[in-house]
């Protein structure tokens, strides 16, 4: 019997401790378009701790109990930290329609803002793509210009080499021409000298022949 009594006492104490332990806080909202008081106890005659809590106000819900008027009362904490009791019938688990509409309006504004931002981003993307295409075109032009410049440099070097070769050939031809001139002058001098010598020699021969002829006539 003593063991049973001890066990019963233990269970009773455990049960009472569970009842007195506050439940995990949750969010509740003041329903409808009303203003409710927060009271010091779960009774209509209890003193008011905070007056005129407006509808849509988010309250931190602690637990719910039956009050002296046989109605359900909720222990809550207001946004400014006041802890007290309000009638459960004035609370709702979801935000009021006005808050939902405001949130929806805010969401709509967010959607409009996102659409506007999306349009701007598309425009910026298109501009960047155009700039990219222009850069590709400019790069191709620069590459072609570089290739042309390289080809022009090669052509310039080739023409320089050809010019040097032509200059060398011109110098050789000039030297040969000078040599031919010297040879021609020498030949002309030899030919002229030969003519003079032949003329002198012929003159001597004619004179000698004339003398012989006169001697023959004298005889």
C-alpha atoms as a PDB file:
ATOM      1  CA  UNK A   1       0.000   0.000   0.000  1.00  0.00           C
ATOM      2  CA  UNK A   2       2.796   2.367   0.881  1.00  0.00           C
ATOM      3  CA  UNK A   3       4.431   1.702  -2.492  1.00  0.00           C
ATOM      4  CA  UNK A   4       1.148   2.308  -4.297  1.00  0.00           C
ATOM      5  CA  UNK A   5       0.565   5.543  -2.393  1.00  0.00           C
ATOM      6  CA  UNK A   6       4.110   6.712  -3.077  1.00  0.00           C
ATOM      7  CA  UNK A   7       3.678   5.930  -6.766  1.00  0.00           C
ATOM      8  CA  UNK A   8       0.370   7.777  -6.824  1.00  0.00           C
ATOM      9  CA  UNK A   9       1.898  10.843  -5.193  1.00  0.00           C
ATOM     10  CA  UNK A  10       4.747  10.811  -7.647  1.00  0.00           C
ATOM     11  CA  UNK A  11       2.365  10.627 -10.623  1.00  0.00           C
ATOM     12  CA  UNK A  12       0.248  13.426  -9.169  1.00  0.00           C
ATOM     13  CA  UNK A  13       3.271  15.681  -8.703  1.00  0.00           C
ATOM     14  CA  UNK A  14       4.465  14.897 -12.240  1.00  0.00           C
ATOM     15  CA  UNK A  15       1.001  15.617 -13.652  1.00  0.00           C
ATOM     16  CA  UNK A  16       0.790  18.929 -11.803  1.00  0.00           C
ATOM     17  CA  UNK A  17       4.230  19.893 -13.030  1.00  0.00           C
ATOM     18  CA  UNK A  18       3.153  19.218 -16.609  1.00  0.00           C
ATOM     19  CA  UNK A  19       0.037  21.349 -16.129  1.00  0.00           C
ATOM     20  CA  UNK A  20       2.003  24.265 -14.719  1.00  0.00           C
ATOM     21  CA  UNK A  21       4.738  24.130 -17.403  1.00  0.00           C
ATOM     22  CA  UNK A  22       3.937  26.837 -20.018  1.00  0.00           C
ATOM     23  CA  UNK A  23       3.313  25.584 -23.531  1.00  0.00           C
ATOM     24  CA  UNK A  24       5.644  26.522 -26.378  1.00  0.00           C
ATOM     25  CA  UNK A  25       4.798  30.052 -27.498  1.00  0.00           C
ATOM     26  CA  UNK A  26       3.032  30.446 -30.849  1.00  0.00           C
ATOM     27  CA  UNK A  27       1.757  33.422 -32.784  1.00  0.00           C
ATOM     28  CA  UNK A  28      -1.881  34.522 -32.573  1.00  0.00           C
ATOM     29  CA  UNK A  29      -3.621  37.504 -34.176  1.00  0.00           C
ATOM     30  CA  UNK A  30      -6.417  39.748 -32.901  1.00  0.00           C
ATOM     31  CA  UNK A  31      -9.382  38.962 -35.135  1.00  0.00           C
ATOM     32  CA  UNK A  32     -11.957  41.234 -36.772  1.00  0.00           C
ATOM     33  CA  UNK A  33     -11.960  45.017 -36.657  1.00  0.00           C
ATOM     34  CA  UNK A  34     -11.999  45.397 -32.861  1.00  0.00           C
ATOM     35  CA  UNK A  35      -9.889  46.604 -29.974  1.00  0.00           C
ATOM     36  CA  UNK A  36      -9.507  44.222 -27.046  1.00  0.00           C
ATOM     37  CA  UNK A  37      -8.114  44.688 -23.532  1.00  0.00           C
ATOM     38  CA  UNK A  38      -5.375  42.600 -22.003  1.00  0.00           C
ATOM     39  CA  UNK A  39      -6.372  41.652 -18.407  1.00  0.00           C
ATOM     40  CA  UNK A  40      -4.392  40.540 -15.422  1.00  0.00           C
ATOM     41  CA  UNK A  41      -6.501  37.372 -15.006  1.00  0.00           C
ATOM     42  CA  UNK A  42      -8.864  35.193 -17.031  1.00  0.00           C
ATOM     43  CA  UNK A  43     -12.004  36.977 -15.886  1.00  0.00           C
ATOM     44  CA  UNK A  44     -14.074  39.889 -17.250  1.00  0.00           C
ATOM     45  CA  UNK A  45     -13.680  41.719 -13.931  1.00  0.00           C
ATOM     46  CA  UNK A  46      -9.864  41.447 -13.852  1.00  0.00           C
ATOM     47  CA  UNK A  47      -7.849  44.647 -14.093  1.00  0.00           C
ATOM     48  CA  UNK A  48      -6.815  45.814 -17.532  1.00  0.00           C
ATOM     49  CA  UNK A  49      -3.060  45.757 -18.172  1.00  0.00           C
ATOM     50  CA  UNK A  50      -3.243  47.149 -21.722  1.00  0.00           C
ATOM     51  CA  UNK A  51      -6.251  48.744 -23.415  1.00  0.00           C
ATOM     52  CA  UNK A  52      -7.178  48.802 -27.054  1.00  0.00           C
ATOM     53  CA  UNK A  53      -5.073  46.139 -28.747  1.00  0.00           C
ATOM     54  CA  UNK A  54      -6.049  46.579 -32.394  1.00  0.00           C
ATOM     55  CA  UNK A  55      -7.148  43.880 -34.789  1.00  0.00           C
ATOM     56  CA  UNK A  56      -4.321  42.289 -36.719  1.00  0.00           C
ATOM     57  CA  UNK A  57      -1.873  42.711 -33.819  1.00  0.00           C
ATOM     58  CA  UNK A  58       0.403  39.688 -33.563  1.00  0.00           C
ATOM     59  CA  UNK A  59       0.480  38.263 -30.030  1.00  0.00           C
ATOM     60  CA  UNK A  60       2.758  35.590 -28.637  1.00  0.00           C
ATOM     61  CA  UNK A  61       0.456  32.801 -27.465  1.00  0.00           C
ATOM     62  CA  UNK A  62       1.498  30.950 -24.294  1.00  0.00           C
ATOM     63  CA  UNK A  63      -1.455  28.747 -23.249  1.00  0.00           C
ATOM     64  CA  UNK A  64      -5.242  28.562 -23.084  1.00  0.00           C
ATOM     65  CA  UNK A  65      -7.438  27.992 -20.023  1.00  0.00           C
ATOM     66  CA  UNK A  66     -11.118  28.261 -18.996  1.00  0.00           C
ATOM     67  CA  UNK A  67     -11.914  31.424 -17.097  1.00  0.00           C
ATOM     68  CA  UNK A  68     -14.356  32.222 -14.299  1.00  0.00           C
ATOM     69  CA  UNK A  69     -17.028  33.018 -16.915  1.00  0.00           C
ATOM     70  CA  UNK A  70     -16.661  29.506 -18.390  1.00  0.00           C
ATOM     71  CA  UNK A  71     -15.129  30.992 -21.547  1.00  0.00           C
ATOM     72  CA  UNK A  72     -11.733  30.125 -22.962  1.00  0.00           C
ATOM     73  CA  UNK A  73      -9.010  32.643 -22.235  1.00  0.00           C
ATOM     74  CA  UNK A  74      -5.544  32.814 -23.754  1.00  0.00           C
ATOM     75  CA  UNK A  75      -2.384  33.916 -21.956  1.00  0.00           C
ATOM     76  CA  UNK A  76      -0.448  36.053 -24.437  1.00  0.00           C
ATOM     77  CA  UNK A  77       2.400  38.522 -24.659  1.00  0.00           C
ATOM     78  CA  UNK A  78       1.908  41.759 -26.601  1.00  0.00           C
ATOM     79  CA  UNK A  79       4.559  43.267 -28.916  1.00  0.00           C
ATOM     80  CA  UNK A  80       5.622  45.660 -26.131  1.00  0.00           C
ATOM     81  CA  UNK A  81       6.162  42.753 -23.688  1.00  0.00           C
ATOM     82  CA  UNK A  82       2.940  42.945 -21.640  1.00  0.00           C
ATOM     83  CA  UNK A  83       1.801  39.482 -20.523  1.00  0.00           C
ATOM     84  CA  UNK A  84      -1.903  39.012 -19.783  1.00  0.00           C
ATOM     85  CA  UNK A  85      -5.164  37.291 -20.637  1.00  0.00           C
ATOM     86  CA  UNK A  86      -7.520  37.879 -23.554  1.00  0.00           C
ATOM     87  CA  UNK A  87     -10.605  36.018 -24.663  1.00  0.00           C
ATOM     88  CA  UNK A  88      -9.721  33.226 -27.091  1.00  0.00           C
ATOM     89  CA  UNK A  89     -12.723  34.061 -29.267  1.00  0.00           C
ATOM     90  CA  UNK A  90     -11.013  37.322 -30.187  1.00  0.00           C
ATOM     91  CA  UNK A  91      -7.915  35.518 -31.505  1.00  0.00           C
ATOM     92  CA  UNK A  92      -7.223  33.701 -34.766  1.00  0.00           C
ATOM     93  CA  UNK A  93      -4.361  31.542 -35.947  1.00  0.00           C
ATOM     94  CA  UNK A  94      -3.992  33.402 -39.257  1.00  0.00           C
ATOM     95  CA  UNK A  95      -3.412  37.072 -40.039  1.00  0.00           C
ATOM     96  CA  UNK A  96      -6.525  39.111 -40.677  1.00  0.00           C
ATOM     97  CA  UNK A  97      -7.813  39.739 -44.165  1.00  0.00           C
ATOM     98  CA  UNK A  98      -6.456  43.281 -44.031  1.00  0.00           C
ATOM     99  CA  UNK A  99      -2.962  42.011 -43.228  1.00  0.00           C
ATOM    100  CA  UNK A 100      -3.201  39.336 -45.912  1.00  0.00           C
ATOM    101  CA  UNK A 101      -4.345  41.961 -48.411  1.00  0.00           C
ATOM    102  CA  UNK A 102      -1.489  44.248 -47.406  1.00  0.00           C
ATOM    103  CA  UNK A 103       0.959  41.360 -47.762  1.00  0.00           C
ATOM    104  CA  UNK A 104      -0.585  40.482 -51.118  1.00  0.00           C
ATOM    105  CA  UNK A 105      -0.307  44.099 -52.226  1.00  0.00           C
ATOM    106  CA  UNK A 106       3.308  44.102 -51.107  1.00  0.00           C
ATOM    107  CA  UNK A 107       3.857  40.858 -53.017  1.00  0.00           C
ATOM    108  CA  UNK A 108       2.209  42.410 -56.067  1.00  0.00           C
ATOM    109  CA  UNK A 109       4.499  45.398 -55.774  1.00  0.00           C
ATOM    110  CA  UNK A 110       7.413  43.009 -55.457  1.00  0.00           C
ATOM    111  CA  UNK A 111       6.266  41.170 -58.591  1.00  0.00           C
ATOM    112  CA  UNK A 112       5.949  44.454 -60.496  1.00  0.00           C
ATOM    113  CA  UNK A 113       9.360  45.493 -59.239  1.00  0.00           C
ATOM    114  CA  UNK A 114      10.841  42.139 -60.272  1.00  0.00           C
ATOM    115  CA  UNK A 115       9.231  42.415 -63.701  1.00  0.00           C
ATOM    116  CA  UNK A 116      10.667  45.910 -64.111  1.00  0.00           C
ATOM    117  CA  UNK A 117      14.073  44.710 -62.946  1.00  0.00           C
ATOM    118  CA  UNK A 118      13.805  41.726 -65.284  1.00  0.00           C
ATOM    119  CA  UNK A 119      13.051  44.053 -68.210  1.00  0.00           C
ATOM    120  CA  UNK A 120      16.016  46.232 -67.284  1.00  0.00           C
ATOM    121  CA  UNK A 121      18.281  43.182 -66.995  1.00  0.00           C
ATOM    122  CA  UNK A 122      17.104  41.949 -70.407  1.00  0.00           C
ATOM    123  CA  UNK A 123      17.895  45.363 -71.875  1.00  0.00           C
ATOM    124  CA  UNK A 124      21.322  45.349 -70.248  1.00  0.00           C
ATOM    125  CA  UNK A 125      21.941  41.819 -71.488  1.00  0.00           C
ATOM    126  CA  UNK A 126      20.988  42.814 -75.035  1.00  0.00           C
ATOM    127  CA  UNK A 127      23.312  45.812 -74.808  1.00  0.00           C
ATOM    128  CA  UNK A 128      26.139  43.616 -73.525  1.00  0.00           C
ATOM    129  CA  UNK A 129      25.540  41.135 -76.357  1.00  0.00           C
ATOM    130  CA  UNK A 130      25.680  43.974 -78.902  1.00  0.00           C
ATOM    131  CA  UNK A 131      28.906  45.253 -77.351  1.00  0.00           C
ATOM    132  CA  UNK A 132      30.282  41.703 -77.467  1.00  0.00           C
ATOM    133  CA  UNK A 133      29.443  41.395 -81.159  1.00  0.00           C
ATOM    134  CA  UNK A 134      31.052  44.789 -81.800  1.00  0.00           C
ATOM    135  CA  UNK A 135      34.169  43.690 -79.935  1.00  0.00           C
ATOM    136  CA  UNK A 136      34.306  40.521 -82.024  1.00  0.00           C
ATOM    137  CA  UNK A 137      33.985  42.593 -85.208  1.00  0.00           C
ATOM    138  CA  UNK A 138      36.673  45.032 -84.025  1.00  0.00           C
ATOM    139  CA  UNK A 139      38.939  42.124 -83.106  1.00  0.00           C
ATOM    140  CA  UNK A 140      38.471  40.606 -86.567  1.00  0.00           C
ATOM    141  CA  UNK A 141      39.239  43.975 -88.187  1.00  0.00           C
ATOM    142  CA  UNK A 142      42.353  44.311 -86.043  1.00  0.00           C
ATOM    143  CA  UNK A 143      43.411  40.784 -86.942  1.00  0.00           C
ATOM    144  CA  UNK A 144      42.925  41.465 -90.622  1.00  0.00           C
ATOM    145  CA  UNK A 145      44.753  44.774 -90.274  1.00  0.00           C
ATOM    146  CA  UNK A 146      47.615  43.023 -88.493  1.00  0.00           C
ATOM    147  CA  UNK A 147      47.706  40.372 -91.211  1.00  0.00           C
ATOM    148  CA  UNK A 148      47.706  43.085 -93.881  1.00  0.00           C
ATOM    149  CA  UNK A 149      50.457  44.973 -92.080  1.00  0.00           C
ATOM    150  CA  UNK A 150      52.488  41.767 -91.810  1.00  0.00           C
ATOM    151  CA  UNK A 151      51.986  41.070 -95.502  1.00  0.00           C
ATOM    152  CA  UNK A 152      52.955  44.654 -96.346  1.00  0.00           C
ATOM    153  CA  UNK A 153      56.112  44.307 -94.269  1.00  0.00           C
ATOM    154  CA  UNK A 154      56.988  41.085 -96.067  1.00  0.00           C
ATOM    155  CA  UNK A 155      56.346  42.765 -99.424  1.00  0.00           C
ATOM    156  CA  UNK A 156      58.482  45.722 -98.352  1.00  0.00           C
ATOM    157  CA  UNK A 157      61.365  43.446 -97.364  1.00  0.00           C
ATOM    158  CA  UNK A 158      61.049  41.536-100.644  1.00  0.00           C
ATOM    159  CA  UNK A 159      61.114  44.784-102.636  1.00  0.00           C
ATOM    160  CA  UNK A 160      64.159  45.948-100.674  1.00  0.00           C
ATOM    161  CA  UNK A 161      65.963  42.730-101.516  1.00  0.00           C
ATOM    162  CA  UNK A 162      64.982  43.049-105.187  1.00  0.00           C
ATOM    163  CA  UNK A 163      66.115  46.679-105.192  1.00  0.00           C
ATOM    164  CA  UNK A 164      69.442  45.693-103.680  1.00  0.00           C
ATOM    165  CA  UNK A 165      69.809  42.968-106.282  1.00  0.00           C
ATOM    166  CA  UNK A 166      68.934  45.399-109.083  1.00  0.00           C
ATOM    167  CA  UNK A 167      71.403  47.922-107.667  1.00  0.00           C
ATOM    168  CA  UNK A 168      74.088  45.250-107.610  1.00  0.00           C
ATOM    169  CA  UNK A 169      73.305  44.276-111.199  1.00  0.00           C
ATOM    170  CA  UNK A 170      73.342  47.953-112.201  1.00  0.00           C
ATOM    171  CA  UNK A 171      76.775  48.363-110.587  1.00  0.00           C
ATOM    172  CA  UNK A 172      78.033  45.300-112.480  1.00  0.00           C
ATOM    173  CA  UNK A 173      76.626  46.597-115.754  1.00  0.00           C
ATOM    174  CA  UNK A 174      78.142  50.000-115.109  1.00  0.00           C
ATOM    175  CA  UNK A 175      81.541  48.429-114.475  1.00  0.00           C
ATOM    176  CA  UNK A 176      81.246  46.359-117.626  1.00  0.00           C
ATOM    177  CA  UNK A 177      80.188  49.459-119.572  1.00  0.00           C
ATOM    178  CA  UNK A 178      83.218  51.362-118.310  1.00  0.00           C
ATOM    179  CA  UNK A 179      85.376  48.412-119.273  1.00  0.00           C
ATOM    180  CA  UNK A 180      83.833  48.331-122.740  1.00  0.00           C
ATOM    181  CA  UNK A 181      84.389  52.066-123.092  1.00  0.00           C
ATOM    182  CA  UNK A 182      88.038  51.634-122.174  1.00  0.00           C
ATOM    183  CA  UNK A 183      88.366  48.780-124.647  1.00  0.00           C
ATOM    184  CA  UNK A 184      86.605  50.784-127.362  1.00  0.00           C
ATOM    185  CA  UNK A 185      88.861  53.789-126.778  1.00  0.00           C
ATOM    186  CA  UNK A 186      91.896  51.504-126.915  1.00  0.00           C
ATOM    187  CA  UNK A 187      90.668  49.882-130.102  1.00  0.00           C
ATOM    188  CA  UNK A 188      89.975  53.262-131.642  1.00  0.00           C
ATOM    189  CA  UNK A 189      93.439  54.430-130.664  1.00  0.00           C
ATOM    190  CA  UNK A 190      95.022  51.295-132.123  1.00  0.00           C
ATOM    191  CA  UNK A 191      92.918  51.576-135.267  1.00  0.00           C
ATOM    192  CA  UNK A 192      93.753  55.261-135.645  1.00  0.00           C
ATOM    193  CA  UNK A 193      97.412  54.566-135.000  1.00  0.00           C
ATOM    194  CA  UNK A 194      97.326  51.773-137.526  1.00  0.00           C
ATOM    195  CA  UNK A 195      95.778  54.048-140.110  1.00  0.00           C
ATOM    196  CA  UNK A 196      98.355  56.719-139.498  1.00  0.00           C
ATOM    197  CA  UNK A 197     101.169  54.202-139.642  1.00  0.00           C
ATOM    198  CA  UNK A 198      99.713  52.678-142.809  1.00  0.00           C
ATOM    199  CA  UNK A 199      99.367  56.124-144.364  1.00  0.00           C
ATOM    200  CA  UNK A 200     102.970  57.010-143.538  1.00  0.00           C
ATOM    201  CA  UNK A 201     104.144  53.664-144.790  1.00  0.00           C
ATOM    202  CA  UNK A 202     102.149  54.021-147.972  1.00  0.00           C
ATOM    203  CA  UNK A 203     103.574  57.484-148.444  1.00  0.00           C
ATOM    204  CA  UNK A 204     107.109  56.121-148.184  1.00  0.00           C
ATOM    205  CA  UNK A 205     106.274  53.338-150.595  1.00  0.00           C
ATOM    206  CA  UNK A 206     104.776  55.731-153.106  1.00  0.00           C
ATOM    207  CA  UNK A 207     107.735  58.048-152.787  1.00  0.00           C
ATOM    208  CA  UNK A 208     110.157  55.167-153.262  1.00  0.00           C
ATOM    209  CA  UNK A 209     108.188  53.909-156.224  1.00  0.00           C
ATOM    210  CA  UNK A 210     108.174  57.393-157.768  1.00  0.00           C
ATOM    211  CA  UNK A 211     111.919  57.685-157.404  1.00  0.00           C
ATOM    212  CA  UNK A 212     112.477  54.352-159.077  1.00  0.00           C
ATOM    213  CA  UNK A 213     110.214  55.351-161.916  1.00  0.00           C
ATOM    214  CA  UNK A 214     112.092  58.609-162.511  1.00  0.00           C
ATOM    215  CA  UNK A 215     115.418  56.785-162.425  1.00  0.00           C
ATOM    216  CA  UNK A 216     114.090  54.349-164.964  1.00  0.00           C
ATOM    217  CA  UNK A 217     113.041  57.173-167.250  1.00  0.00           C
ATOM    218  CA  UNK A 218     116.446  58.852-166.938  1.00  0.00           C
ATOM    219  CA  UNK A 219     118.173  55.764-168.015  1.00  0.00           C
END
